[in-house]
């Protein structure tokens, strides 16, 4: 269990600073607002997903609902990335 979490945390350490600096650098006058919105969004989504995952796992004897939730979140990430990234 330690290695998968190590990989996830390593990926977060590589990606999150660039994502936050990208959000903050769009308009220099609103850098504080952008940082606040990014932080709020991260915390709110994390809390909502953790609550939903706990609800899913409370009634299940296996981890299949958690795996399904993870796959759904990865699919949502891929779709949002495809829609939001500018094409060159």
PDB file of N, CA and C in Angstrom:
ATOM      1  N   UNK A   1       0.807  -1.193   0.000  1.00  0.00           N
ATOM      2  CA  UNK A   1       0.000   0.000   0.000  1.00  0.00           C
ATOM      3  C   UNK A   1       0.854   1.263   0.000  1.00  0.00           C
ATOM      4  N   UNK A   2       2.092   1.149   0.401  1.00  0.00           N
ATOM      5  CA  UNK A   2       2.924   2.336   0.495  1.00  0.00           C
ATOM      6  C   UNK A   2       3.347   2.838  -0.887  1.00  0.00           C
ATOM      7  N   UNK A   3       3.708   1.931  -1.788  1.00  0.00           N
ATOM      8  CA  UNK A   3       4.213   2.359  -3.100  1.00  0.00           C
ATOM      9  C   UNK A   3       3.174   3.062  -3.954  1.00  0.00           C
ATOM     10  N   UNK A   4       1.926   2.569  -4.066  1.00  0.00           N
ATOM     11  CA  UNK A   4       0.950   3.322  -4.859  1.00  0.00           C
ATOM     12  C   UNK A   4       0.724   4.735  -4.321  1.00  0.00           C
ATOM     13  N   UNK A   5       0.660   4.879  -3.000  1.00  0.00           N
ATOM     14  CA  UNK A   5       0.479   6.210  -2.432  1.00  0.00           C
ATOM     15  C   UNK A   5       1.706   7.075  -2.667  1.00  0.00           C
ATOM     16  N   UNK A   6       2.881   6.487  -2.655  1.00  0.00           N
ATOM     17  CA  UNK A   6       4.100   7.210  -2.958  1.00  0.00           C
ATOM     18  C   UNK A   6       4.066   7.747  -4.387  1.00  0.00           C
ATOM     19  N   UNK A   7       3.587   6.947  -5.309  1.00  0.00           N
ATOM     20  CA  UNK A   7       3.493   7.378  -6.708  1.00  0.00           C
ATOM     21  C   UNK A   7       2.488   8.518  -6.854  1.00  0.00           C
ATOM     22  N   UNK A   8       1.340   8.399  -6.196  1.00  0.00           N
ATOM     23  CA  UNK A   8       0.334   9.454  -6.259  1.00  0.00           C
ATOM     24  C   UNK A   8       0.879  10.756  -5.683  1.00  0.00           C
ATOM     25  N   UNK A   9       1.513  10.689  -4.532  1.00  0.00           N
ATOM     26  CA  UNK A   9       2.054  11.896  -3.911  1.00  0.00           C
ATOM     27  C   UNK A   9       3.187  12.501  -4.738  1.00  0.00           C
ATOM     28  N   UNK A  10       3.988  11.672  -5.350  1.00  0.00           N
ATOM     29  CA  UNK A  10       5.053  12.173  -6.217  1.00  0.00           C
ATOM     30  C   UNK A  10       4.444  12.907  -7.416  1.00  0.00           C
ATOM     31  N   UNK A  11       3.408  12.327  -7.995  1.00  0.00           N
ATOM     32  CA  UNK A  11       2.723  12.978  -9.113  1.00  0.00           C
ATOM     33  C   UNK A  11       2.094  14.298  -8.704  1.00  0.00           C
ATOM     34  N   UNK A  12       1.474  14.328  -7.514  1.00  0.00           N
ATOM     35  CA  UNK A  12       0.905  15.586  -7.031  1.00  0.00           C
ATOM     36  C   UNK A  12       1.987  16.634  -6.826  1.00  0.00           C
ATOM     37  N   UNK A  13       3.109  16.230  -6.300  1.00  0.00           N
ATOM     38  CA  UNK A  13       4.205  17.163  -6.092  1.00  0.00           C
ATOM     39  C   UNK A  13       4.757  17.724  -7.392  1.00  0.00           C
ATOM     40  N   UNK A  14       4.686  16.925  -8.449  1.00  0.00           N
ATOM     41  CA  UNK A  14       5.158  17.408  -9.744  1.00  0.00           C
ATOM     42  C   UNK A  14       4.127  18.277 -10.460  1.00  0.00           C
ATOM     43  N   UNK A  15       2.851  17.948 -10.343  1.00  0.00           N
ATOM     44  CA  UNK A  15       1.826  18.615 -11.137  1.00  0.00           C
ATOM     45  C   UNK A  15       1.163  19.807 -10.459  1.00  0.00           C
ATOM     46  N   UNK A  16       0.921  19.737  -9.179  1.00  0.00           N
ATOM     47  CA  UNK A  16       0.172  20.803  -8.513  1.00  0.00           C
ATOM     48  C   UNK A  16       0.864  22.170  -8.533  1.00  0.00           C
ATOM     49  N   UNK A  17       2.161  22.279  -8.317  1.00  0.00           N
ATOM     50  CA  UNK A  17       2.765  23.615  -8.385  1.00  0.00           C
ATOM     51  C   UNK A  17       2.595  24.277  -9.749  1.00  0.00           C
ATOM     52  N   UNK A  18       2.730  23.501 -10.810  1.00  0.00           N
ATOM     53  CA  UNK A  18       2.530  24.064 -12.150  1.00  0.00           C
ATOM     54  C   UNK A  18       1.090  24.461 -12.396  1.00  0.00           C
ATOM     55  N   UNK A  19       0.157  23.659 -11.905  1.00  0.00           N
ATOM     56  CA  UNK A  19      -1.263  23.977 -12.078  1.00  0.00           C
ATOM     57  C   UNK A  19      -1.638  25.248 -11.315  1.00  0.00           C
ATOM     58  N   UNK A  20      -1.147  25.364 -10.099  1.00  0.00           N
ATOM     59  CA  UNK A  20      -1.466  26.554  -9.302  1.00  0.00           C
ATOM     60  C   UNK A  20      -0.810  27.789  -9.893  1.00  0.00           C
ATOM     61  N   UNK A  21       0.439  27.683 -10.315  1.00  0.00           N
ATOM     62  CA  UNK A  21       1.091  28.856 -10.912  1.00  0.00           C
ATOM     63  C   UNK A  21       0.436  29.222 -12.236  1.00  0.00           C
ATOM     64  N   UNK A  22      -0.057  28.243 -12.979  1.00  0.00           N
ATOM     65  CA  UNK A  22      -0.784  28.541 -14.210  1.00  0.00           C
ATOM     66  C   UNK A  22      -2.088  29.269 -13.928  1.00  0.00           C
ATOM     67  N   UNK A  23      -2.784  28.874 -12.873  1.00  0.00           N
ATOM     68  CA  UNK A  23      -4.038  29.539 -12.524  1.00  0.00           C
ATOM     69  C   UNK A  23      -3.792  30.954 -12.011  1.00  0.00           C
ATOM     70  N   UNK A  24      -2.723  31.138 -11.285  1.00  0.00           N
ATOM     71  CA  UNK A  24      -2.439  32.446 -10.695  1.00  0.00           C
ATOM     72  C   UNK A  24      -1.856  33.413 -11.717  1.00  0.00           C
ATOM     73  N   UNK A  25      -1.159  32.920 -12.717  1.00  0.00           N
ATOM     74  CA  UNK A  25      -0.460  33.801 -13.651  1.00  0.00           C
ATOM     75  C   UNK A  25      -1.318  34.309 -14.799  1.00  0.00           C
ATOM     76  N   UNK A  26      -2.563  33.911 -14.882  1.00  0.00           N
ATOM     77  CA  UNK A  26      -3.408  34.363 -15.988  1.00  0.00           C
ATOM     78  C   UNK A  26      -3.618  35.867 -15.933  1.00  0.00           C
ATOM     79  N   UNK A  27      -3.937  36.378 -14.759  1.00  0.00           N
ATOM     80  CA  UNK A  27      -4.133  37.817 -14.581  1.00  0.00           C
ATOM     81  C   UNK A  27      -3.437  38.209 -13.282  1.00  0.00           C
ATOM     82  N   UNK A  28      -2.357  38.951 -13.393  1.00  0.00           N
ATOM     83  CA  UNK A  28      -1.526  39.267 -12.226  1.00  0.00           C
ATOM     84  C   UNK A  28      -2.283  40.077 -11.174  1.00  0.00           C
ATOM     85  N   UNK A  29      -3.254  40.881 -11.592  1.00  0.00           N
ATOM     86  CA  UNK A  29      -3.997  41.714 -10.642  1.00  0.00           C
ATOM     87  C   UNK A  29      -4.868  40.877  -9.709  1.00  0.00           C
ATOM     88  N   UNK A  30      -5.257  39.689 -10.142  1.00  0.00           N
ATOM     89  CA  UNK A  30      -6.156  38.841  -9.359  1.00  0.00           C
ATOM     90  C   UNK A  30      -5.454  37.580  -8.860  1.00  0.00           C
ATOM     91  N   UNK A  31      -4.153  37.659  -8.623  1.00  0.00           N
ATOM     92  CA  UNK A  31      -3.398  36.473  -8.222  1.00  0.00           C
ATOM     93  C   UNK A  31      -3.884  35.927  -6.882  1.00  0.00           C
ATOM     94  N   UNK A  32      -4.172  36.802  -5.927  1.00  0.00           N
ATOM     95  CA  UNK A  32      -4.651  36.352  -4.630  1.00  0.00           C
ATOM     96  C   UNK A  32      -6.013  35.682  -4.723  1.00  0.00           C
ATOM     97  N   UNK A  33      -6.889  36.249  -5.526  1.00  0.00           N
ATOM     98  CA  UNK A  33      -8.206  35.666  -5.731  1.00  0.00           C
ATOM     99  C   UNK A  33      -8.095  34.308  -6.403  1.00  0.00           C
ATOM    100  N   UNK A  34      -7.242  34.217  -7.401  1.00  0.00           N
ATOM    101  CA  UNK A  34      -7.067  32.950  -8.109  1.00  0.00           C
ATOM    102  C   UNK A  34      -6.509  31.881  -7.182  1.00  0.00           C
ATOM    103  N   UNK A  35      -5.554  32.239  -6.342  1.00  0.00           N
ATOM    104  CA  UNK A  35      -4.994  31.266  -5.408  1.00  0.00           C
ATOM    105  C   UNK A  35      -6.053  30.794  -4.416  1.00  0.00           C
ATOM    106  N   UNK A  36      -6.889  31.714  -3.954  1.00  0.00           N
ATOM    107  CA  UNK A  36      -7.963  31.349  -3.036  1.00  0.00           C
ATOM    108  C   UNK A  36      -8.985  30.432  -3.683  1.00  0.00           C
ATOM    109  N   UNK A  37      -9.347  30.723  -4.917  1.00  0.00           N
ATOM    110  CA  UNK A  37     -10.331  29.889  -5.618  1.00  0.00           C
ATOM    111  C   UNK A  37      -9.766  28.502  -5.880  1.00  0.00           C
ATOM    112  N   UNK A  38      -8.499  28.417  -6.275  1.00  0.00           N
ATOM    113  CA  UNK A  38      -7.880  27.109  -6.520  1.00  0.00           C
ATOM    114  C   UNK A  38      -7.835  26.295  -5.224  1.00  0.00           C
ATOM    115  N   UNK A  39      -7.436  26.917  -4.118  1.00  0.00           N
ATOM    116  CA  UNK A  39      -7.385  26.218  -2.841  1.00  0.00           C
ATOM    117  C   UNK A  39      -8.760  25.767  -2.385  1.00  0.00           C
ATOM    118  N   UNK A  40      -9.758  26.647  -2.520  1.00  0.00           N
ATOM    119  CA  UNK A  40     -11.118  26.283  -2.133  1.00  0.00           C
ATOM    120  C   UNK A  40     -11.641  25.129  -2.977  1.00  0.00           C
ATOM    121  N   UNK A  41     -11.392  25.180  -4.278  1.00  0.00           N
ATOM    122  CA  UNK A  41     -11.874  24.123  -5.164  1.00  0.00           C
ATOM    123  C   UNK A  41     -11.235  22.785  -4.825  1.00  0.00           C
ATOM    124  N   UNK A  42      -9.939  22.784  -4.554  1.00  0.00           N
ATOM    125  CA  UNK A  42      -9.264  21.543  -4.180  1.00  0.00           C
ATOM    126  C   UNK A  42      -9.844  20.959  -2.897  1.00  0.00           C
ATOM    127  N   UNK A  43     -10.029  21.798  -1.892  1.00  0.00           N
ATOM    128  CA  UNK A  43     -10.548  21.317  -0.612  1.00  0.00           C
ATOM    129  C   UNK A  43     -12.002  20.874  -0.726  1.00  0.00           C
ATOM    130  N   UNK A  44     -12.818  21.634  -1.439  1.00  0.00           N
ATOM    131  CA  UNK A  44     -14.238  21.298  -1.562  1.00  0.00           C
ATOM    132  C   UNK A  44     -14.431  19.992  -2.334  1.00  0.00           C
ATOM    133  N   UNK A  45     -13.724  19.830  -3.441  1.00  0.00           N
ATOM    134  CA  UNK A  45     -13.853  18.593  -4.211  1.00  0.00           C
ATOM    135  C   UNK A  45     -13.316  17.397  -3.428  1.00  0.00           C
ATOM    136  N   UNK A  46     -12.201  17.587  -2.742  1.00  0.00           N
ATOM    137  CA  UNK A  46     -11.650  16.501  -1.932  1.00  0.00           C
ATOM    138  C   UNK A  46     -12.602  16.084  -0.825  1.00  0.00           C
ATOM    139  N   UNK A  47     -13.223  17.056  -0.156  1.00  0.00           N
ATOM    140  CA  UNK A  47     -14.166  16.737   0.919  1.00  0.00           C
ATOM    141  C   UNK A  47     -15.415  16.046   0.375  1.00  0.00           C
ATOM    142  N   UNK A  48     -15.936  16.529  -0.745  1.00  0.00           N
ATOM    143  CA  UNK A  48     -17.142  15.931  -1.322  1.00  0.00           C
ATOM    144  C   UNK A  48     -16.885  14.501  -1.795  1.00  0.00           C
ATOM    145  N   UNK A  49     -15.756  14.287  -2.437  1.00  0.00           N
ATOM    146  CA  UNK A  49     -15.450  12.947  -2.937  1.00  0.00           C
ATOM    147  C   UNK A  49     -15.153  11.990  -1.782  1.00  0.00           C
ATOM    148  N   UNK A  50     -14.484  12.470  -0.749  1.00  0.00           N
ATOM    149  CA  UNK A  50     -14.215  11.618   0.413  1.00  0.00           C
ATOM    150  C   UNK A  50     -15.510  11.213   1.112  1.00  0.00           C
ATOM    151  N   UNK A  51     -16.443  12.151   1.229  1.00  0.00           N
ATOM    152  CA  UNK A  51     -17.742  11.846   1.840  1.00  0.00           C
ATOM    153  C   UNK A  51     -18.509  10.826   0.994  1.00  0.00           C
ATOM    154  N   UNK A  52     -18.501  11.014  -0.313  1.00  0.00           N
ATOM    155  CA  UNK A  52     -19.201  10.090  -1.209  1.00  0.00           C
ATOM    156  C   UNK A  52     -18.549   8.708  -1.176  1.00  0.00           C
ATOM    157  N   UNK A  53     -17.231   8.657  -1.172  1.00  0.00           N
ATOM    158  CA  UNK A  53     -16.535   7.365  -1.121  1.00  0.00           C
ATOM    159  C   UNK A  53     -16.831   6.645   0.186  1.00  0.00           C
ATOM    160  N   UNK A  54     -16.889   7.370   1.287  1.00  0.00           N
ATOM    161  CA  UNK A  54     -17.235   6.754   2.559  1.00  0.00           C
ATOM    162  C   UNK A  54     -18.645   6.192   2.554  1.00  0.00           C
ATOM    163  N   UNK A  55     -19.551   6.901   1.908  1.00  0.00           N
ATOM    164  CA  UNK A  55     -20.924   6.417   1.793  1.00  0.00           C
ATOM    165  C   UNK A  55     -20.985   5.159   0.940  1.00  0.00           C
ATOM    166  N   UNK A  56     -20.217   5.130  -0.129  1.00  0.00           N
ATOM    167  CA  UNK A  56     -20.198   3.946  -0.997  1.00  0.00           C
ATOM    168  C   UNK A  56     -19.640   2.730  -0.267  1.00  0.00           C
ATOM    169  N   UNK A  57     -18.575   2.922   0.467  1.00  0.00           N
ATOM    170  CA  UNK A  57     -17.904   1.794   1.111  1.00  0.00           C
ATOM    171  C   UNK A  57     -18.591   1.323   2.382  1.00  0.00           C
ATOM    172  N   UNK A  58     -19.464   2.139   2.960  1.00  0.00           N
ATOM    173  CA  UNK A  58     -20.103   1.767   4.220  1.00  0.00           C
ATOM    174  C   UNK A  58     -20.998   0.542   4.069  1.00  0.00           C
ATOM    175  N   UNK A  59     -21.597   0.370   2.912  1.00  0.00           N
ATOM    176  CA  UNK A  59     -22.538  -0.721   2.718  1.00  0.00           C
ATOM    177  C   UNK A  59     -21.988  -1.852   1.857  1.00  0.00           C
ATOM    178  N   UNK A  60     -20.729  -1.779   1.479  1.00  0.00           N
ATOM    179  CA  UNK A  60     -20.158  -2.783   0.586  1.00  0.00           C
ATOM    180  C   UNK A  60     -19.075  -3.589   1.300  1.00  0.00           C
ATOM    181  N   UNK A  61     -19.118  -4.911   1.148  1.00  0.00           N
ATOM    182  CA  UNK A  61     -18.070  -5.727   1.770  1.00  0.00           C
ATOM    183  C   UNK A  61     -16.774  -5.757   0.958  1.00  0.00           C
ATOM    184  N   UNK A  62     -16.799  -5.256  -0.274  1.00  0.00           N
ATOM    185  CA  UNK A  62     -15.602  -5.261  -1.119  1.00  0.00           C
ATOM    186  C   UNK A  62     -15.214  -3.833  -1.480  1.00  0.00           C
ATOM    187  N   UNK A  63     -14.106  -3.712  -2.170  1.00  0.00           N
ATOM    188  CA  UNK A  63     -13.624  -2.395  -2.600  1.00  0.00           C
ATOM    189  C   UNK A  63     -14.033  -2.068  -4.033  1.00  0.00           C
ATOM    190  N   UNK A  64     -14.948  -2.822  -4.591  1.00  0.00           N
ATOM    191  CA  UNK A  64     -15.376  -2.589  -5.976  1.00  0.00           C
ATOM    192  C   UNK A  64     -15.999  -1.202  -6.164  1.00  0.00           C
ATOM    193  N   UNK A  65     -16.857  -0.720  -5.249  1.00  0.00           N
ATOM    194  CA  UNK A  65     -17.385   0.637  -5.435  1.00  0.00           C
ATOM    195  C   UNK A  65     -16.288   1.703  -5.437  1.00  0.00           C
ATOM    196  N   UNK A  66     -15.270   1.518  -4.607  1.00  0.00           N
ATOM    197  CA  UNK A  66     -14.166   2.480  -4.577  1.00  0.00           C
ATOM    198  C   UNK A  66     -13.399   2.455  -5.891  1.00  0.00           C
ATOM    199  N   UNK A  67     -13.149   1.271  -6.420  1.00  0.00           N
ATOM    200  CA  UNK A  67     -12.460   1.161  -7.708  1.00  0.00           C
ATOM    201  C   UNK A  67     -13.293   1.782  -8.817  1.00  0.00           C
ATOM    202  N   UNK A  68     -14.598   1.568  -8.776  1.00  0.00           N
ATOM    203  CA  UNK A  68     -15.486   2.163  -9.772  1.00  0.00           C
ATOM    204  C   UNK A  68     -15.469   3.682  -9.682  1.00  0.00           C
ATOM    205  N   UNK A  69     -15.485   4.209  -8.463  1.00  0.00           N
ATOM    206  CA  UNK A  69     -15.406   5.655  -8.269  1.00  0.00           C
ATOM    207  C   UNK A  69     -14.091   6.206  -8.807  1.00  0.00           C
ATOM    208  N   UNK A  70     -12.999   5.510  -8.561  1.00  0.00           N
ATOM    209  CA  UNK A  70     -11.701   5.967  -9.053  1.00  0.00           C
ATOM    210  C   UNK A  70     -11.659   5.986 -10.575  1.00  0.00           C
ATOM    211  N   UNK A  71     -12.211   4.957 -11.201  1.00  0.00           N
ATOM    212  CA  UNK A  71     -12.248   4.915 -12.669  1.00  0.00           C
ATOM    213  C   UNK A  71     -13.124   6.046 -13.210  1.00  0.00           C
ATOM    214  N   UNK A  72     -14.258   6.289 -12.557  1.00  0.00           N
ATOM    215  CA  UNK A  72     -15.139   7.378 -12.994  1.00  0.00           C
ATOM    216  C   UNK A  72     -14.447   8.732 -12.854  1.00  0.00           C
ATOM    217  N   UNK A  73     -13.696   8.924 -11.780  1.00  0.00           N
ATOM    218  CA  UNK A  73     -12.981  10.191 -11.599  1.00  0.00           C
ATOM    219  C   UNK A  73     -11.875  10.375 -12.636  1.00  0.00           C
ATOM    220  N   UNK A  74     -11.185   9.294 -12.971  1.00  0.00           N
ATOM    221  CA  UNK A  74     -10.155   9.380 -14.014  1.00  0.00           C
ATOM    222  C   UNK A  74     -10.798   9.696 -15.363  1.00  0.00           C
ATOM    223  N   UNK A  75     -11.952   9.096 -15.651  1.00  0.00           N
ATOM    224  CA  UNK A  75     -12.655   9.384 -16.905  1.00  0.00           C
ATOM    225  C   UNK A  75     -13.105  10.843 -16.941  1.00  0.00           C
ATOM    226  N   UNK A  76     -13.631  11.355 -15.815  1.00  0.00           N
ATOM    227  CA  UNK A  76     -14.039  12.760 -15.756  1.00  0.00           C
ATOM    228  C   UNK A  76     -12.843  13.684 -15.944  1.00  0.00           C
ATOM    229  N   UNK A  77     -11.712  13.318 -15.371  1.00  0.00           N
ATOM    230  CA  UNK A  77     -10.496  14.104 -15.552  1.00  0.00           C
ATOM    231  C   UNK A  77     -10.074  14.132 -17.015  1.00  0.00           C
ATOM    232  N   UNK A  78     -10.097  12.983 -17.658  1.00  0.00           N
ATOM    233  CA  UNK A  78      -9.727  12.919 -19.075  1.00  0.00           C
ATOM    234  C   UNK A  78     -10.650  13.740 -19.952  1.00  0.00           C
ATOM    235  N   UNK A  79     -11.940  13.681 -19.666  1.00  0.00           N
ATOM    236  CA  UNK A  79     -12.903  14.462 -20.455  1.00  0.00           C
ATOM    237  C   UNK A  79     -12.694  15.950 -20.229  1.00  0.00           C
ATOM    238  N   UNK A  80     -12.531  16.366 -18.975  1.00  0.00           N
ATOM    239  CA  UNK A  80     -12.326  17.791 -18.711  1.00  0.00           C
ATOM    240  C   UNK A  80     -11.006  18.282 -19.291  1.00  0.00           C
ATOM    241  N   UNK A  81      -9.982  17.466 -19.240  1.00  0.00           N
ATOM    242  CA  UNK A  81      -8.709  17.837 -19.849  1.00  0.00           C
ATOM    243  C   UNK A  81      -8.863  18.022 -21.349  1.00  0.00           C
ATOM    244  N   UNK A  82      -9.562  17.097 -21.991  1.00  0.00           N
ATOM    245  CA  UNK A  82      -9.786  17.200 -23.429  1.00  0.00           C
ATOM    246  C   UNK A  82     -10.593  18.421 -23.822  1.00  0.00           C
ATOM    247  N   UNK A  83     -11.521  18.822 -22.979  1.00  0.00           N
ATOM    248  CA  UNK A  83     -12.361  19.981 -23.289  1.00  0.00           C
ATOM    249  C   UNK A  83     -11.692  21.317 -22.962  1.00  0.00           C
ATOM    250  N   UNK A  84     -10.830  21.329 -21.951  1.00  0.00           N
ATOM    251  CA  UNK A  84     -10.282  22.598 -21.476  1.00  0.00           C
ATOM    252  C   UNK A  84      -8.907  22.955 -22.036  1.00  0.00           C
ATOM    253  N   UNK A  85      -8.148  21.988 -22.501  1.00  0.00           N
ATOM    254  CA  UNK A  85      -6.799  22.270 -23.009  1.00  0.00           C
ATOM    255  C   UNK A  85      -6.911  22.884 -24.397  1.00  0.00           C
ATOM    256  N   UNK A  86      -6.183  23.953 -24.582  1.00  0.00           N
ATOM    257  CA  UNK A  86      -6.195  24.641 -25.875  1.00  0.00           C
ATOM    258  C   UNK A  86      -5.469  23.824 -26.917  1.00  0.00           C
ATOM    259  N   UNK A  87      -6.022  23.770 -28.062  1.00  0.00           N
ATOM    260  CA  UNK A  87      -5.383  23.068 -29.185  1.00  0.00           C
ATOM    261  C   UNK A  87      -4.412  24.011 -29.885  1.00  0.00           C
ATOM    262  N   UNK A  88      -3.255  23.532 -30.212  1.00  0.00           N
ATOM    263  CA  UNK A  88      -2.238  24.380 -30.873  1.00  0.00           C
ATOM    264  C   UNK A  88      -2.424  24.386 -32.368  1.00  0.00           C
TER     265      UNK A  88
END
